[in-house]
């Protein structure tokens, strides 16, 4: 998934990209999880900021409670 599209999709859930968080070439997505309303931070390297590999998307969705078991279907998230 393109980074720009992922950033836009996460913004719909109140999760913002902050390039100042993280060491070196890392930035992070920051926001509240959907159900527990706890503040979550998910770092991502600059290498992934062009095309985000799927192995990074599922843990990100898990951290922010955006999985099917949290009532966010794959179709809703990836559309």
PDB file of N, CA and C in Angstrom:
ATOM      1  N   UNK A   1       0.848  -1.164   0.000  1.00  0.00           N
ATOM      2  CA  UNK A   1       0.000   0.000   0.000  1.00  0.00           C
ATOM      3  C   UNK A   1       0.904   1.240   0.000  1.00  0.00           C
ATOM      4  N   UNK A   2       0.547   2.211  -0.773  1.00  0.00           N
ATOM      5  CA  UNK A   2       1.300   3.454  -0.821  1.00  0.00           C
ATOM      6  C   UNK A   2       1.192   4.173   0.527  1.00  0.00           C
ATOM      7  N   UNK A   3       2.291   4.760   0.938  1.00  0.00           N
ATOM      8  CA  UNK A   3       2.346   5.448   2.225  1.00  0.00           C
ATOM      9  C   UNK A   3       1.309   6.567   2.296  1.00  0.00           C
ATOM     10  N   UNK A   4       1.190   7.315   1.228  1.00  0.00           N
ATOM     11  CA  UNK A   4       0.238   8.435   1.205  1.00  0.00           C
ATOM     12  C   UNK A   4      -1.196   7.953   1.426  1.00  0.00           C
ATOM     13  N   UNK A   5      -1.537   6.822   0.806  1.00  0.00           N
ATOM     14  CA  UNK A   5      -2.882   6.268   0.960  1.00  0.00           C
ATOM     15  C   UNK A   5      -3.093   5.762   2.388  1.00  0.00           C
ATOM     16  N   UNK A   6      -2.083   5.112   2.956  1.00  0.00           N
ATOM     17  CA  UNK A   6      -2.177   4.621   4.332  1.00  0.00           C
ATOM     18  C   UNK A   6      -2.344   5.787   5.300  1.00  0.00           C
ATOM     19  N   UNK A   7      -1.583   6.843   5.089  1.00  0.00           N
ATOM     20  CA  UNK A   7      -1.665   8.022   5.951  1.00  0.00           C
ATOM     21  C   UNK A   7      -3.063   8.645   5.899  1.00  0.00           C
ATOM     22  N   UNK A   8      -3.628   8.710   4.711  1.00  0.00           N
ATOM     23  CA  UNK A   8      -4.973   9.268   4.528  1.00  0.00           C
ATOM     24  C   UNK A   8      -6.035   8.379   5.187  1.00  0.00           C
ATOM     25  N   UNK A   9      -5.893   7.064   5.026  1.00  0.00           N
ATOM     26  CA  UNK A   9      -6.850   6.128   5.610  1.00  0.00           C
ATOM     27  C   UNK A   9      -6.804   6.190   7.134  1.00  0.00           C
ATOM     28  N   UNK A  10      -5.595   6.232   7.710  1.00  0.00           N
ATOM     29  CA  UNK A  10      -5.473   6.300   9.165  1.00  0.00           C
ATOM     30  C   UNK A  10      -5.992   7.625   9.710  1.00  0.00           C
ATOM     31  N   UNK A  11      -5.883   8.688   8.930  1.00  0.00           N
ATOM     32  CA  UNK A  11      -6.409   9.990   9.362  1.00  0.00           C
ATOM     33  C   UNK A  11      -7.923   9.930   9.556  1.00  0.00           C
ATOM     34  N   UNK A  12      -8.595   9.075   8.793  1.00  0.00           N
ATOM     35  CA  UNK A  12     -10.041   8.892   8.962  1.00  0.00           C
ATOM     36  C   UNK A  12     -10.378   8.344  10.351  1.00  0.00           C
ATOM     37  N   UNK A  13      -9.429   7.651  10.965  1.00  0.00           N
ATOM     38  CA  UNK A  13      -9.620   7.085  12.296  1.00  0.00           C
ATOM     39  C   UNK A  13      -8.947   7.937  13.380  1.00  0.00           C
ATOM     40  N   UNK A  14      -8.493   9.129  13.031  1.00  0.00           N
ATOM     41  CA  UNK A  14      -7.897  10.037  13.995  1.00  0.00           C
ATOM     42  C   UNK A  14      -6.435   9.756  14.309  1.00  0.00           C
ATOM     43  N   UNK A  15      -5.755   9.034  13.425  1.00  0.00           N
ATOM     44  CA  UNK A  15      -4.350   8.680  13.629  1.00  0.00           C
ATOM     45  C   UNK A  15      -3.510   9.540  12.687  1.00  0.00           C
ATOM     46  N   UNK A  16      -2.555  10.258  13.248  1.00  0.00           N
ATOM     47  CA  UNK A  16      -1.758  11.203  12.478  1.00  0.00           C
ATOM     48  C   UNK A  16      -0.311  10.747  12.348  1.00  0.00           C
ATOM     49  N   UNK A  17       0.348  11.171  11.294  1.00  0.00           N
ATOM     50  CA  UNK A  17       1.767  10.888  11.070  1.00  0.00           C
ATOM     51  C   UNK A  17       2.584  12.013  11.681  1.00  0.00           C
ATOM     52  N   UNK A  18       3.585  11.655  12.487  1.00  0.00           N
ATOM     53  CA  UNK A  18       4.483  12.637  13.080  1.00  0.00           C
ATOM     54  C   UNK A  18       5.921  12.265  12.725  1.00  0.00           C
ATOM     55  N   UNK A  19       6.550  12.986  11.790  1.00  0.00           N
ATOM     56  CA  UNK A  19       7.911  12.643  11.371  1.00  0.00           C
ATOM     57  C   UNK A  19       8.969  12.966  12.418  1.00  0.00           C
ATOM     58  N   UNK A  20       8.608  13.714  13.469  1.00  0.00           N
ATOM     59  CA  UNK A  20       9.570  14.104  14.497  1.00  0.00           C
ATOM     60  C   UNK A  20       9.748  13.041  15.577  1.00  0.00           C
ATOM     61  N   UNK A  21       8.826  12.102  15.651  1.00  0.00           N
ATOM     62  CA  UNK A  21       8.923  11.036  16.645  1.00  0.00           C
ATOM     63  C   UNK A  21       9.767   9.912  16.065  1.00  0.00           C
ATOM     64  N   UNK A  22      10.651   9.379  16.854  1.00  0.00           N
ATOM     65  CA  UNK A  22      11.486   8.277  16.403  1.00  0.00           C
ATOM     66  C   UNK A  22      12.927   8.709  16.229  1.00  0.00           C
ATOM     67  N   UNK A  23      13.777   7.726  16.193  1.00  0.00           N
ATOM     68  CA  UNK A  23      15.210   7.991  16.052  1.00  0.00           C
ATOM     69  C   UNK A  23      15.610   7.993  14.582  1.00  0.00           C
ATOM     70  N   UNK A  24      16.555   8.831  14.260  1.00  0.00           N
ATOM     71  CA  UNK A  24      17.125   8.828  12.920  1.00  0.00           C
ATOM     72  C   UNK A  24      16.104   9.025  11.826  1.00  0.00           C
ATOM     73  N   UNK A  25      15.993   8.039  10.969  1.00  0.00           N
ATOM     74  CA  UNK A  25      15.112   8.149   9.807  1.00  0.00           C
ATOM     75  C   UNK A  25      13.713   7.592  10.076  1.00  0.00           C
ATOM     76  N   UNK A  26      13.319   7.480  11.325  1.00  0.00           N
ATOM     77  CA  UNK A  26      11.998   6.965  11.664  1.00  0.00           C
ATOM     78  C   UNK A  26      11.039   8.103  12.004  1.00  0.00           C
ATOM     79  N   UNK A  27       9.792   7.889  11.678  1.00  0.00           N
ATOM     80  CA  UNK A  27       8.691   8.730  12.106  1.00  0.00           C
ATOM     81  C   UNK A  27       7.699   7.786  12.760  1.00  0.00           C
ATOM     82  N   UNK A  28       6.526   8.282  13.148  1.00  0.00           N
ATOM     83  CA  UNK A  28       5.567   7.388  13.803  1.00  0.00           C
ATOM     84  C   UNK A  28       4.138   7.848  13.567  1.00  0.00           C
ATOM     85  N   UNK A  29       3.245   6.879  13.514  1.00  0.00           N
ATOM     86  CA  UNK A  29       1.817   7.155  13.544  1.00  0.00           C
ATOM     87  C   UNK A  29       1.424   7.252  15.008  1.00  0.00           C
ATOM     88  N   UNK A  30       0.639   8.272  15.343  1.00  0.00           N
ATOM     89  CA  UNK A  30       0.252   8.520  16.722  1.00  0.00           C
ATOM     90  C   UNK A  30      -1.252   8.744  16.767  1.00  0.00           C
ATOM     91  N   UNK A  31      -1.902   8.120  17.737  1.00  0.00           N
ATOM     92  CA  UNK A  31      -3.334   8.311  17.901  1.00  0.00           C
ATOM     93  C   UNK A  31      -3.873   7.444  19.006  1.00  0.00           C
ATOM     94  N   UNK A  32      -5.176   7.495  19.189  1.00  0.00           N
ATOM     95  CA  UNK A  32      -5.845   6.676  20.190  1.00  0.00           C
ATOM     96  C   UNK A  32      -6.356   5.398  19.546  1.00  0.00           C
ATOM     97  N   UNK A  33      -6.246   4.298  20.281  1.00  0.00           N
ATOM     98  CA  UNK A  33      -6.827   3.049  19.783  1.00  0.00           C
ATOM     99  C   UNK A  33      -8.344   3.206  19.789  1.00  0.00           C
ATOM    100  N   UNK A  34      -9.023   2.505  18.915  1.00  0.00           N
ATOM    101  CA  UNK A  34     -10.464   2.700  18.730  1.00  0.00           C
ATOM    102  C   UNK A  34     -11.293   2.314  19.939  1.00  0.00           C
ATOM    103  N   UNK A  35     -10.971   1.198  20.580  1.00  0.00           N
ATOM    104  CA  UNK A  35     -11.834   0.675  21.634  1.00  0.00           C
ATOM    105  C   UNK A  35     -11.355   1.077  23.024  1.00  0.00           C
ATOM    106  N   UNK A  36     -10.093   0.836  23.320  1.00  0.00           N
ATOM    107  CA  UNK A  36      -9.584   1.110  24.666  1.00  0.00           C
ATOM    108  C   UNK A  36      -9.213   2.564  24.875  1.00  0.00           C
ATOM    109  N   UNK A  37      -9.126   3.350  23.794  1.00  0.00           N
ATOM    110  CA  UNK A  37      -8.812   4.774  23.858  1.00  0.00           C
ATOM    111  C   UNK A  37      -7.475   5.061  24.546  1.00  0.00           C
ATOM    112  N   UNK A  38      -6.508   4.174  24.352  1.00  0.00           N
ATOM    113  CA  UNK A  38      -5.170   4.412  24.865  1.00  0.00           C
ATOM    114  C   UNK A  38      -4.323   5.020  23.756  1.00  0.00           C
ATOM    115  N   UNK A  39      -3.366   5.859  24.141  1.00  0.00           N
ATOM    116  CA  UNK A  39      -2.486   6.495  23.160  1.00  0.00           C
ATOM    117  C   UNK A  39      -1.496   5.460  22.649  1.00  0.00           C
ATOM    118  N   UNK A  40      -1.432   5.314  21.339  1.00  0.00           N
ATOM    119  CA  UNK A  40      -0.536   4.356  20.705  1.00  0.00           C
ATOM    120  C   UNK A  40       0.422   5.095  19.777  1.00  0.00           C
ATOM    121  N   UNK A  41       1.610   4.553  19.651  1.00  0.00           N
ATOM    122  CA  UNK A  41       2.610   5.073  18.731  1.00  0.00           C
ATOM    123  C   UNK A  41       3.162   3.901  17.934  1.00  0.00           C
ATOM    124  N   UNK A  42       3.181   4.037  16.615  1.00  0.00           N
ATOM    125  CA  UNK A  42       3.700   2.968  15.766  1.00  0.00           C
ATOM    126  C   UNK A  42       4.784   3.546  14.856  1.00  0.00           C
ATOM    127  N   UNK A  43       6.077   3.251  15.155  1.00  0.00           N
ATOM    128  CA  UNK A  43       7.174   3.809  14.343  1.00  0.00           C
ATOM    129  C   UNK A  43       7.296   3.124  12.983  1.00  0.00           C
ATOM    130  N   UNK A  44       7.801   3.879  12.019  1.00  0.00           N
ATOM    131  CA  UNK A  44       7.988   3.373  10.669  1.00  0.00           C
ATOM    132  C   UNK A  44       9.217   4.055  10.081  1.00  0.00           C
ATOM    133  N   UNK A  45      10.077   3.282   9.445  1.00  0.00           N
ATOM    134  CA  UNK A  45      11.314   3.851   8.893  1.00  0.00           C
ATOM    135  C   UNK A  45      11.044   4.599   7.596  1.00  0.00           C
ATOM    136  N   UNK A  46      11.986   5.445   7.221  1.00  0.00           N
ATOM    137  CA  UNK A  46      11.869   6.208   5.975  1.00  0.00           C
ATOM    138  C   UNK A  46      11.825   5.284   4.762  1.00  0.00           C
ATOM    139  N   UNK A  47      12.454   4.127   4.853  1.00  0.00           N
ATOM    140  CA  UNK A  47      12.450   3.176   3.741  1.00  0.00           C
ATOM    141  C   UNK A  47      11.030   2.730   3.413  1.00  0.00           C
ATOM    142  N   UNK A  48      10.164   2.690   4.411  1.00  0.00           N
ATOM    143  CA  UNK A  48       8.787   2.246   4.207  1.00  0.00           C
ATOM    144  C   UNK A  48       7.854   3.388   3.824  1.00  0.00           C
ATOM    145  N   UNK A  49       8.362   4.600   3.747  1.00  0.00           N
ATOM    146  CA  UNK A  49       7.481   5.730   3.519  1.00  0.00           C
ATOM    147  C   UNK A  49       7.151   5.982   2.054  1.00  0.00           C
ATOM    148  N   UNK A  50       7.561   5.100   1.173  1.00  0.00           N
ATOM    149  CA  UNK A  50       7.155   5.159  -0.227  1.00  0.00           C
ATOM    150  C   UNK A  50       6.059   4.112  -0.457  1.00  0.00           C
ATOM    151  N   UNK A  51       6.388   2.876  -0.185  1.00  0.00           N
ATOM    152  CA  UNK A  51       5.473   1.743  -0.332  1.00  0.00           C
ATOM    153  C   UNK A  51       5.570   0.929   0.955  1.00  0.00           C
ATOM    154  N   UNK A  52       4.490   0.881   1.727  1.00  0.00           N
ATOM    155  CA  UNK A  52       4.502   0.185   3.007  1.00  0.00           C
ATOM    156  C   UNK A  52       4.212  -1.289   2.767  1.00  0.00           C
ATOM    157  N   UNK A  53       5.109  -2.154   3.216  1.00  0.00           N
ATOM    158  CA  UNK A  53       4.931  -3.592   3.040  1.00  0.00           C
ATOM    159  C   UNK A  53       3.820  -4.092   3.949  1.00  0.00           C
ATOM    160  N   UNK A  54       3.142  -5.135   3.504  1.00  0.00           N
ATOM    161  CA  UNK A  54       2.008  -5.671   4.254  1.00  0.00           C
ATOM    162  C   UNK A  54       2.414  -6.204   5.625  1.00  0.00           C
ATOM    163  N   UNK A  55       3.675  -6.622   5.797  1.00  0.00           N
ATOM    164  CA  UNK A  55       4.095  -7.140   7.090  1.00  0.00           C
ATOM    165  C   UNK A  55       4.129  -6.038   8.158  1.00  0.00           C
ATOM    166  N   UNK A  56       4.073  -4.766   7.760  1.00  0.00           N
ATOM    167  CA  UNK A  56       4.011  -3.653   8.700  1.00  0.00           C
ATOM    168  C   UNK A  56       2.582  -3.168   8.931  1.00  0.00           C
ATOM    169  N   UNK A  57       1.711  -3.440   7.992  1.00  0.00           N
ATOM    170  CA  UNK A  57       0.339  -2.927   8.095  1.00  0.00           C
ATOM    171  C   UNK A  57      -0.475  -3.678   9.143  1.00  0.00           C
ATOM    172  N   UNK A  58      -0.375  -5.004   9.198  1.00  0.00           N
ATOM    173  CA  UNK A  58      -1.185  -5.753  10.158  1.00  0.00           C
ATOM    174  C   UNK A  58      -0.844  -5.403  11.611  1.00  0.00           C
ATOM    175  N   UNK A  59       0.437  -5.333  12.013  1.00  0.00           N
ATOM    176  CA  UNK A  59       0.718  -4.917  13.392  1.00  0.00           C
ATOM    177  C   UNK A  59       0.262  -3.479  13.682  1.00  0.00           C
ATOM    178  N   UNK A  60       0.330  -2.620  12.672  1.00  0.00           N
ATOM    179  CA  UNK A  60      -0.159  -1.261  12.839  1.00  0.00           C
ATOM    180  C   UNK A  60      -1.658  -1.268  13.096  1.00  0.00           C
ATOM    181  N   UNK A  61      -2.387  -2.048  12.313  1.00  0.00           N
ATOM    182  CA  UNK A  61      -3.836  -2.158  12.506  1.00  0.00           C
ATOM    183  C   UNK A  61      -4.159  -2.774  13.866  1.00  0.00           C
ATOM    184  N   UNK A  62      -3.364  -3.741  14.294  1.00  0.00           N
ATOM    185  CA  UNK A  62      -3.568  -4.366  15.595  1.00  0.00           C
ATOM    186  C   UNK A  62      -3.350  -3.347  16.719  1.00  0.00           C
ATOM    187  N   UNK A  63      -2.300  -2.543  16.619  1.00  0.00           N
ATOM    188  CA  UNK A  63      -1.982  -1.553  17.646  1.00  0.00           C
ATOM    189  C   UNK A  63      -3.107  -0.529  17.816  1.00  0.00           C
ATOM    190  N   UNK A  64      -3.708  -0.127  16.716  1.00  0.00           N
ATOM    191  CA  UNK A  64      -4.766   0.880  16.770  1.00  0.00           C
ATOM    192  C   UNK A  64      -6.172   0.266  16.753  1.00  0.00           C
ATOM    193  N   UNK A  65      -6.260  -1.047  16.905  1.00  0.00           N
ATOM    194  CA  UNK A  65      -7.527  -1.787  16.961  1.00  0.00           C
ATOM    195  C   UNK A  65      -8.377  -1.530  15.717  1.00  0.00           C
ATOM    196  N   UNK A  66      -7.783  -1.796  14.561  1.00  0.00           N
ATOM    197  CA  UNK A  66      -8.458  -1.614  13.276  1.00  0.00           C
ATOM    198  C   UNK A  66      -8.555  -2.923  12.508  1.00  0.00           C
ATOM    199  N   UNK A  67      -8.760  -4.035  13.203  1.00  0.00           N
ATOM    200  CA  UNK A  67      -8.862  -5.357  12.587  1.00  0.00           C
ATOM    201  C   UNK A  67     -10.321  -5.798  12.516  1.00  0.00           C
ATOM    202  N   UNK A  68     -10.608  -6.863  11.759  1.00  0.00           N
ATOM    203  CA  UNK A  68     -11.991  -7.339  11.664  1.00  0.00           C
ATOM    204  C   UNK A  68     -12.629  -7.668  13.018  1.00  0.00           C
ATOM    205  N   UNK A  69     -11.847  -8.176  13.978  1.00  0.00           N
ATOM    206  CA  UNK A  69     -12.435  -8.457  15.290  1.00  0.00           C
ATOM    207  C   UNK A  69     -12.786  -7.179  16.062  1.00  0.00           C
ATOM    208  N   UNK A  70     -12.343  -6.032  15.555  1.00  0.00           N
ATOM    209  CA  UNK A  70     -12.692  -4.738  16.142  1.00  0.00           C
ATOM    210  C   UNK A  70     -13.708  -4.006  15.256  1.00  0.00           C
ATOM    211  N   UNK A  71     -14.384  -4.743  14.388  1.00  0.00           N
ATOM    212  CA  UNK A  71     -15.426  -4.227  13.496  1.00  0.00           C
ATOM    213  C   UNK A  71     -14.905  -3.292  12.399  1.00  0.00           C
ATOM    214  N   UNK A  72     -13.671  -3.493  11.958  1.00  0.00           N
ATOM    215  CA  UNK A  72     -13.151  -2.772  10.797  1.00  0.00           C
ATOM    216  C   UNK A  72     -12.708  -3.859   9.802  1.00  0.00           C
ATOM    217  N   UNK A  73     -13.546  -4.099   8.810  1.00  0.00           N
ATOM    218  CA  UNK A  73     -13.245  -5.173   7.861  1.00  0.00           C
ATOM    219  C   UNK A  73     -12.068  -4.799   6.968  1.00  0.00           C
ATOM    220  N   UNK A  74     -11.445  -5.805   6.392  1.00  0.00           N
ATOM    221  CA  UNK A  74     -10.337  -5.579   5.463  1.00  0.00           C
ATOM    222  C   UNK A  74     -10.797  -4.736   4.274  1.00  0.00           C
ATOM    223  N   UNK A  75     -12.014  -5.003   3.803  1.00  0.00           N
ATOM    224  CA  UNK A  75     -12.554  -4.230   2.671  1.00  0.00           C
ATOM    225  C   UNK A  75     -12.696  -2.762   3.024  1.00  0.00           C
ATOM    226  N   UNK A  76     -13.190  -2.469   4.233  1.00  0.00           N
ATOM    227  CA  UNK A  76     -13.338  -1.080   4.667  1.00  0.00           C
ATOM    228  C   UNK A  76     -11.974  -0.401   4.781  1.00  0.00           C
ATOM    229  N   UNK A  77     -10.993  -1.121   5.314  1.00  0.00           N
ATOM    230  CA  UNK A  77      -9.698  -0.505   5.526  1.00  0.00           C
ATOM    231  C   UNK A  77      -8.935  -0.298   4.226  1.00  0.00           C
ATOM    232  N   UNK A  78      -8.964  -1.266   3.335  1.00  0.00           N
ATOM    233  CA  UNK A  78      -8.171  -1.187   2.111  1.00  0.00           C
ATOM    234  C   UNK A  78      -8.882  -0.542   0.935  1.00  0.00           C
ATOM    235  N   UNK A  79     -10.131  -0.150   1.105  1.00  0.00           N
ATOM    236  CA  UNK A  79     -10.859   0.487  -0.012  1.00  0.00           C
ATOM    237  C   UNK A  79     -10.558   1.958  -0.112  1.00  0.00           C
TER     238      UNK A  79
END
